[in-house]
Each structure stands twice: as structure tokens, then as C-alpha cells.
Amino acid sequence: MATRNATVLPALVTLLLLVGTACAQDVGDVNQGKLVYEKYCVLCHGEKGDGKGHFSEATTPVPRDFRQGTFKWRTTPSGSLPTDADLERVLITGLYGTSMSSLATTLSHAQRLDVIAYIKTFSPRFATEKPQPQIIIPPEPPYTPASVTRGEGVYQKFNCAQCHGDAGEGDGPSADDLADDWGDPIVPYDLTEGHIKCGNSGPNIYRVFIGGLNGTPMPSFADSMSPEEAWDLVHFIQSLSPGYPKNLTGAPPPPTARASDEMIRRMLSRSRSTITASSAMCRG
């Protein structure tokens, strides 16, 4: 028995130490996050998180004002808070075509969670609300000429050209009159770029139609657009540029592609599971 205890106890201590680290990483350290924010974020987003940092006036689009808890790039429904994984994904990938660059190699996973914890202190919503369940995306059908043709009809049906223009170049009749929720001018995206800020894959584009872009004139079509219409519209947009990756077979993306999109969610889920298990063990 003594030998067994001598073997088990060190392992148990190691497990508890790892769990403590996972717990800290899972929620992030606000004080450490403030230091990260002041080093990497404050010059654009401002000391108060109001998007009025030193470089904000020269930045287009303007830096996000964190105080309302309103974020465009989410996996959650329209109006919902983002998940921590959503916020970390932006830190990792950056936002194409903007001043928000990738911090994937600049910040560690723990530092990213720390700064996320600090950013969340700017809005009282994070203290009183939880993110809604993530948008469910059905399997993508094959990209075909027929789906592109149907998608063009969906583009017309939902009057997308009013903002994005007949050819998707962001030059529709309303393009010069649009503003975001803060009153700042906002330009409709040029869909012929071959690259979307949130990611180029079909599911990423699909999610924009269903979730909308909080704080912008881009609405959610969750209640008016069927999944079939949404996928056809995805394919029409992808037809506007050879730069978009197209799913010609309708098969799920390969494991390597799925890994990049789901990496953050899995890491957070794994750490939460470890913490839950250890808490139950301690209570027992």
C-alpha cells in the first residue's frame, strides 16, 4: 500500500497543478490581460476600450468600441455576445484587409485568454449575459453551375445589390450612405476580393448570412433565408472570384482544414472538461 501511495500521490499532485493552470488559462487573468492590452491594443482601441486610441483616426475601418459588447465576427446568432473562442480566433487570424493583424505568434494561448478577459471588462454585458448557442451549419452541398445560378437569384431576391452592387463590387446605390451603430461610415464589402474578413470557406460565408454582422447594416437572414438558399448564395459569391476555395464534391473539408477552424473550440472544451472532472474529484 505504501508503494502504491508513493506512486499515486505525486501523480495526483501533478494533475491538480495542471488543472489549476488549465483553470487559470480557461478564464484568463484580467490583471495580466491589462498589461497585454496596453502593449498591443491600446494604440488603436484606446485606454477605455472605446476605439479611440492614438491611431484610430487614421484607421479604416475604425477600431472596435468594446463597451457595447457588440462584435461582428462570431459563431453565435445575431445580437448575441461572442464566445471566448470567437474572440481568440480574431486574435489568431487577424481580419483580412484591416489594421487588425494576426497575433498568433506574438501572444501565447494564455496571453490571448488574458487579454480577452480584460477586453470583456469594458462591457457590462459580459457580467450579466452568456453567449447564445452557436449557429448550426448544415453540410455544404456541391458547388455547381446550377447552384451558382440559383444563388444569383437569391442575391436578387434579398436585394443584396442595393449595398454590394450588381457585380458584388461594393458599389450599390446605398453604398455611400451606410453607417455602423456608432455613426461611422461603413463601406459594403467588395465580394470579388476572393477573401472574406471572417475566412474564405463556405461555412464561414454561410455564417455571415445567418448570424449577420452585429453593429453594421448587414442583417441576419436566419428567419427569412432557407439553408438551401444560403448555400446557393455562398456559391454565387464564390463564383465572383477564383480566389475562393470551392467545395466541388460536397464532401466535408479534410481534417487539416477542419483543424484550423476548430482548434480553439477544442482547446477550450478540453480545458473545461478537465476542470469539471477535477472539481468533481475534489468535492468527492
Protein backbone atom coordinates (compact mmCIF):
# COMPACT_ATOMS: atom_id res chain seq x y z
CA MET A 1 0.00 0.00 0.00
CA ALA A 2 2.82 2.40 0.88
CA THR A 3 4.42 1.80 -2.50
CA ARG A 4 1.15 2.44 -4.28
CA ASN A 5 0.60 5.71 -2.38
CA ALA A 6 4.14 6.80 -3.16
CA THR A 7 3.34 6.34 -6.85
CA VAL A 8 -0.15 7.77 -6.89
CA LEU A 9 0.30 10.87 -4.74
CA PRO A 10 2.91 12.61 -6.93
CA ALA A 11 0.77 11.92 -9.98
CA LEU A 12 -2.25 13.37 -8.19
CA VAL A 13 -0.31 16.49 -7.20
CA THR A 14 0.84 16.91 -10.80
CA LEU A 15 -2.73 16.54 -12.06
CA LEU A 16 -4.03 19.16 -9.64
CA LEU A 17 -1.27 21.57 -10.66
CA LEU A 18 -2.13 21.05 -14.31
CA VAL A 19 -5.81 21.56 -13.57
CA GLY A 20 -5.05 24.78 -11.74
CA THR A 21 -3.09 26.01 -14.73
CA ALA A 22 -5.89 24.98 -17.10
CA CYS A 23 -8.42 26.78 -14.92
CA ALA A 24 -6.36 29.95 -14.98
CA GLN A 25 -5.93 29.71 -18.73
CA ASP A 26 -9.60 28.93 -19.24
CA VAL A 27 -10.85 32.16 -17.68
CA GLY A 28 -7.85 34.39 -18.27
CA ASP A 29 -6.18 36.75 -15.81
CA VAL A 30 -7.61 40.27 -16.05
CA ASN A 31 -4.56 41.91 -14.50
CA GLN A 32 -2.18 40.18 -16.89
CA GLY A 33 -4.61 40.93 -19.71
CA LYS A 34 -4.41 44.64 -18.95
CA LEU A 35 -0.65 44.51 -19.48
CA VAL A 36 -1.08 42.71 -22.80
CA TYR A 37 -3.77 45.19 -23.86
CA GLU A 38 -1.59 48.19 -23.02
CA LYS A 39 1.28 46.76 -25.04
CA TYR A 40 -0.56 45.57 -28.16
CA CYS A 41 -4.09 47.00 -28.29
CA VAL A 42 -4.38 50.40 -26.64
CA LEU A 43 -2.96 52.45 -29.52
CA CYS A 44 -5.96 51.55 -31.67
CA HIS A 45 -8.72 50.57 -29.25
CA GLY A 46 -7.96 53.20 -26.59
CA GLU A 47 -7.43 53.11 -22.83
CA LYS A 48 -11.19 52.94 -22.23
CA GLY A 49 -11.82 50.35 -24.92
CA ASP A 50 -13.82 52.95 -26.84
CA GLY A 51 -11.98 52.54 -30.15
CA LYS A 52 -10.37 55.97 -29.79
CA GLY A 53 -6.71 55.13 -29.49
CA HIS A 54 -3.84 57.21 -30.82
CA PHE A 55 -4.01 55.67 -34.29
CA SER A 56 -7.80 55.37 -34.51
CA GLU A 57 -8.40 58.42 -36.69
CA ALA A 58 -6.05 57.07 -39.34
CA THR A 59 -7.54 53.57 -39.26
CA THR A 60 -10.19 52.32 -41.69
CA PRO A 61 -12.42 50.69 -40.66
CA VAL A 62 -12.31 52.31 -37.25
CA PRO A 63 -11.19 50.12 -34.33
CA ARG A 64 -13.90 48.26 -32.44
CA ASP A 65 -15.53 50.04 -29.49
CA PHE A 66 -15.68 47.25 -26.89
CA ARG A 67 -18.04 49.00 -24.47
CA GLN A 68 -21.29 47.74 -26.03
CA GLY A 69 -20.18 44.12 -26.29
CA THR A 70 -21.05 44.24 -30.00
CA PHE A 71 -18.87 42.08 -32.25
CA LYS A 72 -19.19 41.25 -35.93
CA TRP A 73 -17.20 38.03 -36.17
CA ARG A 74 -18.99 35.41 -34.11
CA THR A 75 -20.27 31.87 -34.34
CA THR A 76 -23.32 32.91 -32.30
CA PRO A 77 -26.69 34.29 -33.51
CA SER A 78 -27.48 37.92 -34.29
CA GLY A 79 -27.40 40.13 -31.20
CA SER A 80 -25.54 37.57 -29.11
CA LEU A 81 -22.24 38.01 -27.36
CA PRO A 82 -19.34 36.14 -28.95
CA THR A 83 -17.71 33.16 -27.29
CA ASP A 84 -14.17 33.39 -25.96
CA ALA A 85 -13.16 31.11 -28.83
CA ASP A 86 -14.65 33.63 -31.29
CA LEU A 87 -12.58 36.43 -29.80
CA GLU A 88 -9.44 34.31 -29.74
CA ARG A 89 -9.94 33.33 -33.37
CA VAL A 90 -9.76 37.01 -34.37
CA LEU A 91 -6.54 37.41 -32.38
CA ILE A 92 -5.09 34.39 -34.15
CA THR A 93 -6.19 35.07 -37.72
CA GLY A 94 -6.50 38.86 -37.73
CA LEU A 95 -9.04 40.46 -40.07
CA TYR A 96 -8.11 40.50 -43.73
CA GLY A 97 -7.96 43.95 -45.30
CA THR A 98 -7.92 45.79 -41.96
CA SER A 99 -5.34 47.04 -39.47
CA MET A 100 -6.21 44.14 -37.18
CA SER A 101 -3.25 41.86 -37.79
CA SER A 102 -2.69 38.32 -36.57
CA LEU A 103 -1.21 37.93 -33.09
CA ALA A 104 -0.85 34.16 -33.43
CA THR A 105 2.91 34.17 -32.98
CA THR A 106 3.06 37.30 -30.83
CA LEU A 107 0.82 36.11 -28.00
CA SER A 108 0.65 32.71 -26.34
CA HIS A 109 -2.68 30.98 -25.80
CA ALA A 110 -2.63 32.07 -22.14
CA GLN A 111 -1.88 35.69 -23.08
CA ARG A 112 -4.73 35.69 -25.58
CA LEU A 113 -7.15 34.46 -22.92
CA ASP A 114 -5.80 37.07 -20.50
CA VAL A 115 -6.39 39.96 -22.89
CA ILE A 116 -9.84 38.58 -23.78
CA ALA A 117 -10.71 38.58 -20.07
CA TYR A 118 -9.61 42.22 -19.87
CA ILE A 119 -11.46 43.27 -23.03
CA LYS A 120 -14.65 41.79 -21.56
CA THR A 121 -14.41 44.19 -18.59
CA PHE A 122 -15.19 47.11 -20.90
CA SER A 123 -18.79 45.95 -21.42
CA PRO A 124 -21.21 45.13 -18.58
CA ARG A 125 -22.95 42.66 -20.89
CA PHE A 126 -20.30 40.03 -20.21
CA ALA A 127 -21.12 40.15 -16.49
CA THR A 128 -24.84 39.57 -16.98
CA GLU A 129 -25.21 37.59 -20.24
CA LYS A 130 -23.95 34.37 -21.73
CA PRO A 131 -23.30 33.80 -25.45
CA GLN A 132 -26.21 32.07 -27.15
CA PRO A 133 -25.68 28.56 -28.60
CA GLN A 134 -23.57 28.56 -31.72
CA ILE A 135 -25.18 28.69 -35.15
CA ILE A 136 -25.69 25.22 -36.60
CA ILE A 137 -24.38 24.99 -40.16
CA PRO A 138 -25.77 22.13 -42.25
CA PRO A 139 -23.46 20.17 -44.56
CA GLU A 140 -22.43 22.06 -47.67
CA PRO A 141 -23.81 20.74 -50.97
CA PRO A 142 -21.50 20.62 -54.00
CA TYR A 143 -20.53 23.84 -55.74
CA THR A 144 -22.06 23.52 -59.22
CA PRO A 145 -23.06 25.84 -62.08
CA ALA A 146 -26.68 25.18 -61.14
CA SER A 147 -26.14 26.25 -57.53
CA VAL A 148 -24.37 29.40 -58.71
CA THR A 149 -27.32 30.25 -60.97
CA ARG A 150 -29.77 29.71 -58.13
CA GLY A 151 -27.55 31.77 -55.86
CA GLU A 152 -27.68 34.69 -58.26
CA GLY A 153 -31.45 34.55 -57.93
CA VAL A 154 -31.13 34.57 -54.14
CA TYR A 155 -28.80 37.58 -54.40
CA GLN A 156 -31.52 39.40 -56.32
CA LYS A 157 -34.36 38.17 -54.12
CA PHE A 158 -32.81 39.58 -50.96
CA ASN A 159 -31.72 42.79 -52.70
CA CYS A 160 -28.03 42.29 -51.92
CA ALA A 161 -27.11 44.53 -54.86
CA GLN A 162 -28.56 47.53 -53.02
CA CYS A 163 -25.36 47.63 -50.98
CA HIS A 164 -22.92 45.27 -52.69
CA GLY A 165 -23.75 46.22 -56.28
CA ASP A 166 -24.89 44.16 -59.25
CA ALA A 167 -21.43 42.65 -59.71
CA GLY A 168 -20.69 42.35 -55.97
CA GLU A 169 -18.05 45.08 -56.01
CA GLY A 170 -19.44 47.01 -53.04
CA ASP A 171 -20.77 49.86 -55.18
CA GLY A 172 -24.54 49.55 -54.78
CA PRO A 173 -26.91 52.55 -54.68
CA SER A 174 -26.80 52.65 -50.86
CA ALA A 175 -23.05 52.17 -50.57
CA ASP A 176 -22.22 55.80 -49.89
CA ASP A 177 -24.91 56.29 -47.25
CA LEU A 178 -24.24 53.43 -44.85
CA ALA A 179 -23.07 53.84 -41.25
CA ASP A 180 -22.45 51.46 -38.36
CA ASP A 181 -24.10 51.61 -34.94
CA TRP A 182 -21.58 54.23 -33.81
CA GLY A 183 -22.36 56.55 -36.72
CA ASP A 184 -19.11 55.87 -38.54
CA PRO A 185 -19.28 55.43 -42.35
CA ILE A 186 -19.04 51.82 -43.40
CA VAL A 187 -18.35 50.55 -46.90
CA PRO A 188 -20.06 47.40 -48.22
CA TYR A 189 -17.56 44.65 -48.80
CA ASP A 190 -16.24 44.02 -52.30
CA LEU A 191 -17.24 40.38 -52.71
CA THR A 192 -14.97 39.97 -55.74
CA GLU A 193 -11.88 40.21 -53.49
CA GLY A 194 -11.75 36.43 -53.21
CA HIS A 195 -11.20 36.76 -49.49
CA ILE A 196 -13.67 37.47 -46.68
CA LYS A 197 -12.54 39.01 -43.39
CA CYS A 198 -14.03 36.16 -41.37
CA GLY A 199 -12.49 33.41 -43.50
CA ASN A 200 -12.91 32.13 -47.04
CA SER A 201 -14.59 28.77 -46.57
CA GLY A 202 -18.22 28.11 -47.43
CA PRO A 203 -19.26 27.67 -43.77
CA ASN A 204 -17.65 30.99 -42.82
CA ILE A 205 -19.58 32.83 -45.52
CA TYR A 206 -22.80 30.93 -44.69
CA ARG A 207 -22.46 32.02 -41.06
CA VAL A 208 -22.49 35.70 -42.07
CA PHE A 209 -25.89 35.34 -43.74
CA ILE A 210 -27.42 33.58 -40.73
CA GLY A 211 -25.70 35.50 -37.94
CA GLY A 212 -25.43 38.91 -39.56
CA LEU A 213 -22.68 41.32 -38.56
CA ASN A 214 -23.60 42.96 -35.26
CA GLY A 215 -23.18 46.72 -35.27
CA THR A 216 -23.40 47.03 -39.05
CA PRO A 217 -26.18 47.31 -41.67
CA MET A 218 -25.54 43.64 -42.60
CA PRO A 219 -28.60 41.88 -41.13
CA SER A 220 -29.25 38.29 -40.20
CA PHE A 221 -31.37 36.29 -42.64
CA ALA A 222 -31.94 33.47 -40.17
CA ASP A 223 -35.72 33.92 -40.26
CA SER A 224 -36.13 34.54 -43.98
CA MET A 225 -33.49 32.56 -45.87
CA SER A 226 -33.63 28.77 -46.08
CA PRO A 227 -30.43 26.72 -45.68
CA GLU A 228 -30.67 25.77 -49.36
CA GLU A 229 -30.88 29.41 -50.38
CA ALA A 230 -27.98 30.31 -48.09
CA TRP A 231 -25.72 27.68 -49.64
CA ASP A 232 -26.67 28.75 -53.15
CA LEU A 233 -25.85 32.34 -52.22
CA VAL A 234 -22.49 31.20 -50.84
CA HIS A 235 -21.74 29.57 -54.17
CA PHE A 236 -22.77 32.64 -56.15
CA ILE A 237 -20.42 34.79 -54.08
CA GLN A 238 -17.64 32.25 -54.56
CA SER A 239 -18.22 32.41 -58.32
CA LEU A 240 -17.23 36.09 -58.26
CA SER A 241 -13.54 35.30 -57.80
CA PRO A 242 -11.22 32.36 -58.45
CA GLY A 243 -9.65 33.12 -55.08
CA TYR A 244 -12.42 31.47 -53.08
CA PRO A 245 -11.92 27.77 -52.28
CA LYS A 246 -14.87 25.85 -53.72
CA ASN A 247 -16.26 22.56 -52.48
CA LEU A 248 -16.86 20.80 -55.77
CA THR A 249 -17.81 17.45 -54.27
CA GLY A 250 -19.85 18.46 -51.25
CA ALA A 251 -17.56 16.34 -49.08
CA PRO A 252 -16.60 17.55 -45.59
CA PRO A 253 -13.36 19.54 -45.54
CA PRO A 254 -10.22 17.47 -44.93
CA PRO A 255 -9.05 17.07 -41.33
CA THR A 256 -6.30 19.67 -41.81
CA ALA A 257 -8.81 22.30 -42.88
CA ARG A 258 -11.21 21.44 -40.10
CA ALA A 259 -8.42 21.57 -37.55
CA SER A 260 -7.63 25.23 -38.17
CA ASP A 261 -11.27 26.21 -37.81
CA GLU A 262 -11.98 24.11 -34.71
CA MET A 263 -8.63 24.26 -32.91
CA ILE A 264 -9.65 26.97 -30.44
CA ARG A 265 -13.00 25.41 -29.63
CA ARG A 266 -11.38 22.05 -28.88
CA MET A 267 -8.70 23.56 -26.66
CA LEU A 268 -11.23 25.46 -24.58
CA SER A 269 -13.57 22.48 -24.40
CA ARG A 270 -10.75 20.19 -23.31
CA SER A 271 -9.63 22.52 -20.52
CA ARG A 272 -13.20 22.98 -19.29
CA SER A 273 -13.73 19.21 -19.19
CA THR A 274 -10.54 18.77 -17.19
CA ILE A 275 -11.59 21.44 -14.73
CA THR A 276 -15.07 19.96 -14.31
CA ALA A 277 -13.65 16.49 -13.67
CA SER A 278 -11.16 17.76 -11.13
CA SER A 279 -13.82 19.80 -9.32
CA ALA A 280 -15.99 16.70 -9.01
CA MET A 281 -12.99 14.73 -7.71
CA CYS A 282 -12.25 17.38 -5.10
CA ARG A 283 -15.88 17.53 -3.98
CA GLY A 284 -15.85 13.76 -3.58
